[in-house]
Amino acid sequence: MKEQINLQVGGMSCQHCVKSVTESVMALPGVDKVKVSLENATVDVAYDASAIDVAQIAEAIEDQGYDVAALSE
């Protein structure tokens, strides 16, 4: 089951942030696409809900040192 989520993420400020968040989330099973916006402080993720849940995606971002502030589907 394909899903799309938009996460508010604090602490991202440069292209290194974009790369580390993108790579960590793309490494998760079931993630199809990741789009990071520094301007909006958001991370859009397309994923397979039968393979992974939002909490696991948020945890991967937080493990990189960023704060996931809000979820909106």
Protein backbone atom coordinates (compact mmCIF):
# COMPACT_ATOMS: atom_id res chain seq x y z
CA MET A 1 0.00 0.00 0.00
CA LYS A 2 1.69 3.18 -1.21
CA GLU A 3 1.58 6.19 1.09
CA GLN A 4 2.93 9.74 1.05
CA ILE A 5 3.91 11.69 4.17
CA ASN A 6 5.19 15.21 4.76
CA LEU A 7 7.35 15.62 7.87
CA GLN A 8 8.31 18.94 9.46
CA VAL A 9 12.01 18.61 10.31
CA GLY A 10 14.04 21.10 12.32
CA GLY A 11 17.79 21.60 12.27
CA MET A 12 18.50 21.17 8.55
CA SER A 13 20.55 24.02 7.13
CA CYS A 14 22.76 22.86 4.24
CA GLN A 15 23.23 20.38 1.43
CA HIS A 16 25.04 18.01 3.80
CA CYS A 17 21.81 17.89 5.85
CA VAL A 18 19.81 17.12 2.69
CA LYS A 19 22.23 14.33 1.74
CA SER A 20 22.34 12.70 5.18
CA VAL A 21 18.54 12.74 5.60
CA THR A 22 17.95 11.51 2.05
CA GLU A 23 20.46 8.67 2.32
CA SER A 24 19.28 7.51 5.74
CA VAL A 25 15.60 7.44 4.75
CA MET A 26 16.23 5.88 1.32
CA ALA A 27 18.13 3.06 3.06
CA LEU A 28 14.94 1.99 4.83
CA PRO A 29 12.96 -0.93 3.37
CA GLY A 30 9.82 0.17 1.53
CA VAL A 31 10.88 3.78 0.89
CA ASP A 32 10.42 4.75 -2.77
CA LYS A 33 11.23 8.47 -2.84
CA VAL A 34 12.55 11.19 -0.53
CA LYS A 35 12.41 14.94 -1.20
CA VAL A 36 14.03 17.30 1.30
CA SER A 37 13.20 21.02 1.29
CA LEU A 38 15.56 23.25 3.28
CA GLU A 39 13.37 26.28 2.56
CA ASN A 40 10.24 24.69 4.04
CA ALA A 41 12.06 22.49 6.61
CA THR A 42 10.17 19.47 5.31
CA VAL A 43 10.86 15.95 4.17
CA ASP A 44 8.38 14.32 1.78
CA VAL A 45 8.52 10.55 1.73
CA ALA A 46 6.77 8.09 -0.59
CA TYR A 47 6.74 4.65 0.99
CA ASP A 48 5.07 1.27 1.16
CA ALA A 49 2.99 1.19 4.37
CA SER A 50 3.09 -2.60 4.44
CA ALA A 51 6.90 -2.52 4.74
CA ILE A 52 7.55 0.44 7.07
CA ASP A 53 5.68 2.90 9.27
CA VAL A 54 5.99 6.62 9.87
CA ALA A 55 7.62 6.16 13.29
CA GLN A 56 10.50 4.24 11.68
CA ILE A 57 10.97 6.99 9.08
CA ALA A 58 10.95 9.68 11.79
CA GLU A 59 13.44 7.68 13.85
CA ALA A 60 15.86 7.44 10.90
CA ILE A 61 15.75 11.24 10.54
CA GLU A 62 16.17 11.80 14.28
CA ASP A 63 19.13 9.39 14.29
CA GLN A 64 20.86 11.84 11.93
CA GLY A 65 20.49 14.58 14.57
CA TYR A 66 17.38 16.40 13.35
CA ASP A 67 14.05 17.03 15.06
CA VAL A 68 10.87 15.68 13.51
CA ALA A 69 8.31 18.20 14.75
CA ALA A 70 5.01 17.33 13.08
CA LEU A 71 3.41 14.80 10.82
CA SER A 72 0.88 15.48 8.09
CA GLU A 73 -0.41 12.93 5.61
